[in-house]
Amino acid sequence: MGLSTDDVVAIQQLVARYNFAVDGGDPDAFAGTFTPDGEFGAAGNVMRGHDELRAFVVGRAGIAPRRHLVSSILVDGDGDRASVRACLQVVAMGDDGSFQIAVQGTYDDEVVRTADGWRFARRSFTPDTAPGT
């Protein structure tokens, strides 16, 4: 038996909460999208646990405004575990005030059901690269 529609919607809401937390610079809300021992990996860096996850958001203070735009969210799972795959584009404000895609790539996630709802156990971001690189 697969996940219920309610589970899939709850997982999509988790992805949205993550985006608003990181874009809004809210370290507690960001860390709260993960299990206490959850990890996030990107660009060769891995942050583990709520303290390191909070520090990641605090370290982003003062950067140009950004928006994480996630699409093609694919959820597959059973019971209390699921995998999530999604496309990401980050739009950032340039020095001239214009917006441009700063990075794009793919999230590969493992989420688990907790007493507080679905949370990321592991989130990994792989940026797209140009052919041949």
Protein backbone atom coordinates (compact mmCIF):
# COMPACT_ATOMS: atom_id res chain seq x y z
CA MET A 1 0.00 0.00 0.00
CA GLY A 2 1.40 3.39 -1.00
CA LEU A 3 1.08 6.76 0.64
CA SER A 4 -2.29 8.42 1.03
CA THR A 5 -3.17 11.63 -0.79
CA ASP A 6 -3.03 13.38 2.61
CA ASP A 7 0.55 12.13 3.08
CA VAL A 8 1.61 13.36 -0.36
CA VAL A 9 0.08 16.80 0.30
CA ALA A 10 1.74 16.96 3.73
CA ILE A 11 5.12 16.16 2.13
CA GLN A 12 4.58 18.86 -0.52
CA GLN A 13 3.77 21.29 2.32
CA LEU A 14 7.05 20.28 4.01
CA VAL A 15 8.90 21.26 0.82
CA ALA A 16 7.09 24.63 0.81
CA ARG A 17 7.86 25.26 4.51
CA TYR A 18 11.54 24.56 3.80
CA ASN A 19 11.53 27.09 0.93
CA PHE A 20 9.85 29.86 2.92
CA ALA A 21 12.14 29.24 5.91
CA VAL A 22 15.39 29.40 3.95
CA ASP A 23 14.28 32.35 1.79
CA GLY A 24 12.92 34.19 4.83
CA GLY A 25 16.08 33.62 6.88
CA ASP A 26 14.28 31.74 9.68
CA PRO A 27 16.85 29.31 11.13
CA ASP A 28 14.45 27.66 13.60
CA ALA A 29 11.76 27.04 11.00
CA PHE A 30 14.39 25.73 8.58
CA ALA A 31 15.88 23.31 11.11
CA GLY A 32 12.36 22.29 12.10
CA THR A 33 11.74 20.83 8.64
CA PHE A 34 14.35 18.16 9.48
CA THR A 35 14.48 15.36 12.01
CA PRO A 36 16.81 16.16 14.95
CA ASP A 37 19.61 14.17 13.27
CA GLY A 38 18.59 15.14 9.73
CA GLU A 39 21.13 16.17 7.16
CA PHE A 40 21.31 18.49 4.18
CA GLY A 41 24.01 18.18 1.54
CA ALA A 42 24.86 20.59 -1.25
CA ALA A 43 28.01 21.59 -3.11
CA GLY A 44 30.09 19.02 -1.23
CA ASN A 45 29.02 20.33 2.17
CA VAL A 46 26.88 18.30 4.57
CA MET A 47 25.14 19.81 7.58
CA ARG A 48 23.86 17.40 10.23
CA GLY A 49 21.51 18.08 13.11
CA HIS A 50 19.51 21.13 14.02
CA ASP A 51 22.48 23.21 15.25
CA GLU A 52 24.37 22.94 11.96
CA LEU A 53 21.17 23.47 9.96
CA ARG A 54 20.37 26.64 11.93
CA ALA A 55 23.93 27.89 11.41
CA PHE A 56 23.55 27.41 7.66
CA VAL A 57 20.61 29.84 7.56
CA VAL A 58 22.25 32.32 9.94
CA GLY A 59 25.32 32.29 7.67
CA ARG A 60 23.15 33.35 4.73
CA ALA A 61 22.10 36.63 6.40
CA GLY A 62 22.82 39.62 4.21
CA ILE A 63 22.92 37.81 0.87
CA ALA A 64 20.85 39.14 -2.01
CA PRO A 65 17.14 38.24 -1.92
CA ARG A 66 16.45 34.75 -3.28
CA ARG A 67 13.50 32.53 -4.03
CA HIS A 68 13.64 28.74 -4.13
CA LEU A 69 11.23 27.60 -6.84
CA VAL A 70 10.52 23.88 -6.68
CA SER A 71 8.62 21.95 -9.34
CA SER A 72 7.96 18.41 -10.57
CA ILE A 73 7.70 17.08 -7.02
CA LEU A 74 7.65 13.29 -7.21
CA VAL A 75 6.79 11.43 -4.00
CA ASP A 76 7.08 7.67 -3.64
CA GLY A 77 6.81 5.69 -0.46
CA ASP A 78 4.94 3.42 1.87
CA GLY A 79 4.10 3.67 5.53
CA ASP A 80 6.29 6.08 7.44
CA ARG A 81 9.06 6.64 4.86
CA ALA A 82 9.13 8.22 1.44
CA SER A 83 11.53 9.44 -1.19
CA VAL A 84 11.05 12.81 -2.85
CA ARG A 85 12.60 14.02 -6.07
CA ALA A 86 12.10 17.58 -7.30
CA CYS A 87 13.54 20.20 -9.61
CA LEU A 88 14.88 23.44 -8.14
CA GLN A 89 15.62 26.85 -9.56
CA VAL A 90 16.91 29.58 -7.29
CA VAL A 91 16.16 33.08 -8.52
CA ALA A 92 18.42 35.77 -7.06
CA MET A 93 18.55 39.55 -7.29
CA GLY A 94 21.64 40.83 -9.08
CA ASP A 95 23.58 43.98 -8.24
CA ASP A 96 21.54 45.89 -10.83
CA GLY A 97 18.22 44.87 -9.21
CA SER A 98 17.31 42.37 -11.91
CA PHE A 99 16.48 38.77 -11.13
CA GLN A 100 18.20 35.80 -12.69
CA ILE A 101 18.50 32.08 -12.14
CA ALA A 102 21.41 31.64 -9.75
CA VAL A 103 21.37 27.84 -9.75
CA GLN A 104 19.20 24.97 -10.82
CA GLY A 105 19.31 21.28 -10.17
CA THR A 106 17.62 18.38 -8.43
CA TYR A 107 16.70 17.55 -4.86
CA ASP A 108 16.78 13.90 -3.77
CA ASP A 109 15.22 13.48 -0.34
CA GLU A 110 14.31 10.92 2.24
CA VAL A 111 11.42 11.96 4.47
CA VAL A 112 9.98 10.23 7.51
CA ARG A 113 6.75 10.52 9.43
CA THR A 114 7.36 11.80 12.98
CA ALA A 115 5.07 12.69 15.86
CA ASP A 116 5.21 16.27 14.50
CA GLY A 117 4.45 15.27 10.89
CA TRP A 118 6.68 14.59 7.91
CA ARG A 119 10.31 15.74 8.18
CA PHE A 120 13.44 15.49 6.07
CA ALA A 121 15.79 12.76 7.27
CA ARG A 122 18.13 13.53 4.39
CA ARG A 123 18.01 16.21 1.72
CA SER A 124 20.58 16.35 -1.06
CA PHE A 125 20.89 18.97 -3.80
CA THR A 126 22.75 18.27 -7.04
CA PRO A 127 23.22 21.28 -9.31
CA ASP A 128 22.89 20.90 -13.05
CA THR A 129 26.16 21.15 -14.94
CA ALA A 130 26.91 21.99 -18.54
CA PRO A 131 27.48 18.99 -20.81
CA GLY A 132 31.07 17.80 -20.67
CA THR A 133 31.86 19.36 -17.28
